[in-house]
Amino acid sequence: MLARAWHAVTFQKGPIYILDPSETNGWRFLCDSEAGGGQGNALTGPAFVMVIDEAMKSTEEKLGITIRAIQDYMALLGDAKVIFGTNVSNGALEFLLSALEEVGLEPSRSKFKIFAVDYDEETLGFIPDWLRTPDTRHKALGGD
């Protein structure tokens, strides 16, 4: 029954309107919703959680880190060597990203952030260049 309900509300191309005081009724058609479950749809949240659950749990189990998530905001907690891997491709982050891609999700790497307790030289060496912040780049170059 849940699958049928999800299909019924997800694959409809509902209209999206924006507030426009110049229109007679105060609303202007913007576009049709053609992807996802829709903002405010009661099934979107639970369905999304079901989709990411296996990717998160398998990453935690295989690599021994902790992942906490609130919808699509995830935090990977653990040792930098385990999270990023020793060659930037064999760590928990890449494992998780691959698992999410397998279910059709494409995380936006430009929105990723890194918070580290210790910015020592070894830790900085594990952080991939695409994830480094100006602060971590500065510290990697010997700054304070």
C-alpha atoms as a PDB file:
ATOM      1  CA  MET A   1       0.000   0.000   0.000  1.00  0.00           C
ATOM      2  CA  LEU A   2       2.848   2.401   0.848  1.00  0.00           C
ATOM      3  CA  ALA A   3       4.481   1.769  -2.531  1.00  0.00           C
ATOM      4  CA  ARG A   4       1.226   2.530  -4.339  1.00  0.00           C
ATOM      5  CA  ALA A   5       0.713   5.740  -2.344  1.00  0.00           C
ATOM      6  CA  TRP A   6       4.312   6.807  -2.991  1.00  0.00           C
ATOM      7  CA  HIS A   7       3.921   6.220  -6.723  1.00  0.00           C
ATOM      8  CA  ALA A   8       0.643   8.149  -6.789  1.00  0.00           C
ATOM      9  CA  VAL A   9       2.091  11.277  -5.202  1.00  0.00           C
ATOM     10  CA  THR A  10       5.641  11.145  -6.580  1.00  0.00           C
ATOM     11  CA  PHE A  11       5.109  10.737 -10.276  1.00  0.00           C
ATOM     12  CA  GLN A  12       2.485  13.420 -10.704  1.00  0.00           C
ATOM     13  CA  LYS A  13       3.663  16.626 -12.336  1.00  0.00           C
ATOM     14  CA  GLY A  14       2.074  19.043  -9.903  1.00  0.00           C
ATOM     15  CA  PRO A  15       2.115  22.740 -10.721  1.00  0.00           C
ATOM     16  CA  ILE A  16       4.313  25.077  -8.681  1.00  0.00           C
ATOM     17  CA  TYR A  17       3.192  28.668  -8.202  1.00  0.00           C
ATOM     18  CA  ILE A  18       4.958  31.686  -6.744  1.00  0.00           C
ATOM     19  CA  LEU A  19       3.479  34.700  -5.044  1.00  0.00           C
ATOM     20  CA  ASP A  20       3.010  37.524  -7.543  1.00  0.00           C
ATOM     21  CA  PRO A  21       0.981  40.589  -6.505  1.00  0.00           C
ATOM     22  CA  SER A  22       0.655  41.676 -10.144  1.00  0.00           C
ATOM     23  CA  GLU A  23      -1.482  38.617 -10.945  1.00  0.00           C
ATOM     24  CA  THR A  24      -5.250  38.799 -10.443  1.00  0.00           C
ATOM     25  CA  ASN A  25      -5.283  35.907  -7.988  1.00  0.00           C
ATOM     26  CA  GLY A  26      -1.875  36.759  -6.462  1.00  0.00           C
ATOM     27  CA  TRP A  27      -0.104  33.677  -7.846  1.00  0.00           C
ATOM     28  CA  ARG A  28       1.933  33.026 -10.990  1.00  0.00           C
ATOM     29  CA  PHE A  29       2.638  29.595 -12.461  1.00  0.00           C
ATOM     30  CA  LEU A  30       6.364  28.846 -12.261  1.00  0.00           C
ATOM     31  CA  CYS A  31       6.768  25.268 -13.524  1.00  0.00           C
ATOM     32  CA  ASP A  32       5.651  21.682 -13.048  1.00  0.00           C
ATOM     33  CA  SER A  33       7.292  19.545 -10.361  1.00  0.00           C
ATOM     34  CA  GLU A  34       8.959  16.701 -12.238  1.00  0.00           C
ATOM     35  CA  ALA A  35      11.315  15.153  -9.686  1.00  0.00           C
ATOM     36  CA  GLY A  36      11.312  13.952  -6.113  1.00  0.00           C
ATOM     37  CA  GLY A  37       8.449  13.611  -3.718  1.00  0.00           C
ATOM     38  CA  GLY A  38       7.602  17.227  -3.360  1.00  0.00           C
ATOM     39  CA  GLN A  39       8.107  19.635  -0.518  1.00  0.00           C
ATOM     40  CA  GLY A  40       5.457  19.083   2.130  1.00  0.00           C
ATOM     41  CA  ASN A  41       4.464  15.639   0.866  1.00  0.00           C
ATOM     42  CA  ALA A  42       3.911  13.462   3.943  1.00  0.00           C
ATOM     43  CA  LEU A  43       5.586  10.460   2.280  1.00  0.00           C
ATOM     44  CA  THR A  44       8.738  12.225   1.061  1.00  0.00           C
ATOM     45  CA  GLY A  45      10.547  12.198   4.423  1.00  0.00           C
ATOM     46  CA  PRO A  46       9.959   8.537   5.346  1.00  0.00           C
ATOM     47  CA  ALA A  47      10.656   7.370   1.789  1.00  0.00           C
ATOM     48  CA  PHE A  48      13.952   9.272   1.652  1.00  0.00           C
ATOM     49  CA  VAL A  49      15.038   7.815   4.990  1.00  0.00           C
ATOM     50  CA  MET A  50      14.272   4.304   3.731  1.00  0.00           C
ATOM     51  CA  VAL A  51      16.386   4.939   0.620  1.00  0.00           C
ATOM     52  CA  ILE A  52      19.496   6.168   2.506  1.00  0.00           C
ATOM     53  CA  ASP A  53      19.247   3.732   5.430  1.00  0.00           C
ATOM     54  CA  GLU A  54      21.113   0.814   3.836  1.00  0.00           C
ATOM     55  CA  ALA A  55      23.923   3.037   2.520  1.00  0.00           C
ATOM     56  CA  MET A  56      24.461   4.554   5.960  1.00  0.00           C
ATOM     57  CA  LYS A  57      24.282   1.276   7.886  1.00  0.00           C
ATOM     58  CA  SER A  58      26.562  -0.612   5.509  1.00  0.00           C
ATOM     59  CA  THR A  59      29.149   2.190   5.704  1.00  0.00           C
ATOM     60  CA  GLU A  60      29.054   2.160   9.503  1.00  0.00           C
ATOM     61  CA  GLU A  61      29.319  -1.621   9.669  1.00  0.00           C
ATOM     62  CA  LYS A  62      32.058  -2.047   7.068  1.00  0.00           C
ATOM     63  CA  LEU A  63      34.276   0.850   8.150  1.00  0.00           C
ATOM     64  CA  GLY A  64      33.499   1.236  11.860  1.00  0.00           C
ATOM     65  CA  ILE A  65      32.558   4.918  11.830  1.00  0.00           C
ATOM     66  CA  THR A  66      29.424   6.629  13.127  1.00  0.00           C
ATOM     67  CA  ILE A  67      26.994   8.393  10.802  1.00  0.00           C
ATOM     68  CA  ARG A  68      24.249  10.677  12.070  1.00  0.00           C
ATOM     69  CA  ALA A  69      21.690  12.178   9.733  1.00  0.00           C
ATOM     70  CA  ILE A  70      18.694  14.465   9.738  1.00  0.00           C
ATOM     71  CA  GLN A  71      17.180  13.840   6.317  1.00  0.00           C
ATOM     72  CA  ASP A  72      19.915  14.744   3.801  1.00  0.00           C
ATOM     73  CA  TYR A  73      22.259  16.375   6.317  1.00  0.00           C
ATOM     74  CA  MET A  74      24.797  13.725   7.313  1.00  0.00           C
ATOM     75  CA  ALA A  75      27.738  13.783   9.677  1.00  0.00           C
ATOM     76  CA  LEU A  76      30.499  11.179   9.490  1.00  0.00           C
ATOM     77  CA  LEU A  77      32.276  10.815  12.818  1.00  0.00           C
ATOM     78  CA  GLY A  78      35.563   9.010  13.223  1.00  0.00           C
ATOM     79  CA  ASP A  79      39.244   8.949  12.467  1.00  0.00           C
ATOM     80  CA  ALA A  80      40.288  10.951   9.377  1.00  0.00           C
ATOM     81  CA  LYS A  81      42.252   7.975   8.047  1.00  0.00           C
ATOM     82  CA  VAL A  82      39.090   5.844   8.104  1.00  0.00           C
ATOM     83  CA  ILE A  83      36.710   8.540   6.840  1.00  0.00           C
ATOM     84  CA  PHE A  84      38.886   9.694   3.945  1.00  0.00           C
ATOM     85  CA  GLY A  85      40.997   6.584   3.379  1.00  0.00           C
ATOM     86  CA  THR A  86      44.707   6.401   2.908  1.00  0.00           C
ATOM     87  CA  ASN A  87      44.542   7.212  -0.798  1.00  0.00           C
ATOM     88  CA  VAL A  88      41.388   9.412  -0.812  1.00  0.00           C
ATOM     89  CA  SER A  89      39.346   6.714  -2.544  1.00  0.00           C
ATOM     90  CA  ASN A  90      39.174   3.851  -0.069  1.00  0.00           C
ATOM     91  CA  GLY A  91      37.576   5.591   2.898  1.00  0.00           C
ATOM     92  CA  ALA A  92      34.094   5.705   4.406  1.00  0.00           C
ATOM     93  CA  LEU A  93      33.160   8.915   2.580  1.00  0.00           C
ATOM     94  CA  GLU A  94      33.728   7.427  -0.873  1.00  0.00           C
ATOM     95  CA  PHE A  95      32.094   4.150   0.190  1.00  0.00           C
ATOM     96  CA  LEU A  96      28.993   6.064   1.334  1.00  0.00           C
ATOM     97  CA  LEU A  97      28.896   8.200  -1.812  1.00  0.00           C
ATOM     98  CA  SER A  98      29.097   5.081  -3.993  1.00  0.00           C
ATOM     99  CA  ALA A  99      26.299   3.420  -2.021  1.00  0.00           C
ATOM    100  CA  LEU A 100      24.103   6.523  -2.392  1.00  0.00           C
ATOM    101  CA  GLU A 101      24.802   6.672  -6.135  1.00  0.00           C
ATOM    102  CA  GLU A 102      23.708   3.021  -6.432  1.00  0.00           C
ATOM    103  CA  VAL A 103      20.205   4.058  -5.294  1.00  0.00           C
ATOM    104  CA  GLY A 104      20.094   7.026  -7.670  1.00  0.00           C
ATOM    105  CA  LEU A 105      21.192   9.821  -5.341  1.00  0.00           C
ATOM    106  CA  GLU A 106      23.793  12.389  -6.357  1.00  0.00           C
ATOM    107  CA  PRO A 107      25.070  14.273  -3.310  1.00  0.00           C
ATOM    108  CA  SER A 108      26.212  17.820  -4.019  1.00  0.00           C
ATOM    109  CA  ARG A 109      29.884  17.829  -3.058  1.00  0.00           C
ATOM    110  CA  SER A 110      29.987  21.628  -3.202  1.00  0.00           C
ATOM    111  CA  LYS A 111      27.806  21.684  -0.067  1.00  0.00           C
ATOM    112  CA  PHE A 112      30.069  19.373   1.960  1.00  0.00           C
ATOM    113  CA  LYS A 113      31.835  20.801   5.021  1.00  0.00           C
ATOM    114  CA  ILE A 114      34.611  19.459   7.184  1.00  0.00           C
ATOM    115  CA  PHE A 115      35.035  20.012  10.891  1.00  0.00           C
ATOM    116  CA  ALA A 116      38.107  18.532  12.512  1.00  0.00           C
ATOM    117  CA  VAL A 117      39.199  18.468  16.130  1.00  0.00           C
ATOM    118  CA  ASP A 118      42.841  18.173  15.190  1.00  0.00           C
ATOM    119  CA  TYR A 119      44.370  19.781  12.116  1.00  0.00           C
ATOM    120  CA  ASP A 120      47.749  18.104  12.439  1.00  0.00           C
ATOM    121  CA  GLU A 121      49.809  17.376   9.338  1.00  0.00           C
ATOM    122  CA  GLU A 122      48.740  13.720   9.206  1.00  0.00           C
ATOM    123  CA  THR A 123      45.012  14.574   9.394  1.00  0.00           C
ATOM    124  CA  LEU A 124      45.339  17.220   6.688  1.00  0.00           C
ATOM    125  CA  GLY A 125      47.010  14.683   4.427  1.00  0.00           C
ATOM    126  CA  PHE A 126      43.862  12.533   4.331  1.00  0.00           C
ATOM    127  CA  ILE A 127      41.408  15.299   3.404  1.00  0.00           C
ATOM    128  CA  PRO A 128      40.688  15.321  -0.354  1.00  0.00           C
ATOM    129  CA  ASP A 129      41.510  18.585  -2.115  1.00  0.00           C
ATOM    130  CA  TRP A 130      37.895  19.101  -3.237  1.00  0.00           C
ATOM    131  CA  LEU A 131      36.784  19.159   0.419  1.00  0.00           C
ATOM    132  CA  ARG A 132      39.453  21.395   1.857  1.00  0.00           C
ATOM    133  CA  THR A 133      38.274  24.715   3.196  1.00  0.00           C
ATOM    134  CA  PRO A 134      40.388  27.870   3.003  1.00  0.00           C
ATOM    135  CA  ASP A 135      41.208  27.230   6.670  1.00  0.00           C
ATOM    136  CA  THR A 136      42.494  23.683   6.092  1.00  0.00           C
ATOM    137  CA  ARG A 137      44.406  24.747   2.962  1.00  0.00           C
ATOM    138  CA  HIS A 138      46.086  27.513   4.991  1.00  0.00           C
ATOM    139  CA  LYS A 139      47.040  25.089   7.769  1.00  0.00           C
ATOM    140  CA  ALA A 140      48.357  22.570   5.225  1.00  0.00           C
ATOM    141  CA  LEU A 141      50.689  25.242   3.926  1.00  0.00           C
ATOM    142  CA  GLY A 142      52.073  25.889   7.404  1.00  0.00           C
ATOM    143  CA  GLY A 143      49.847  28.773   8.492  1.00  0.00           C
ATOM    144  CA  ASP A 144      48.368  29.232  11.961  1.00  0.00           C
END
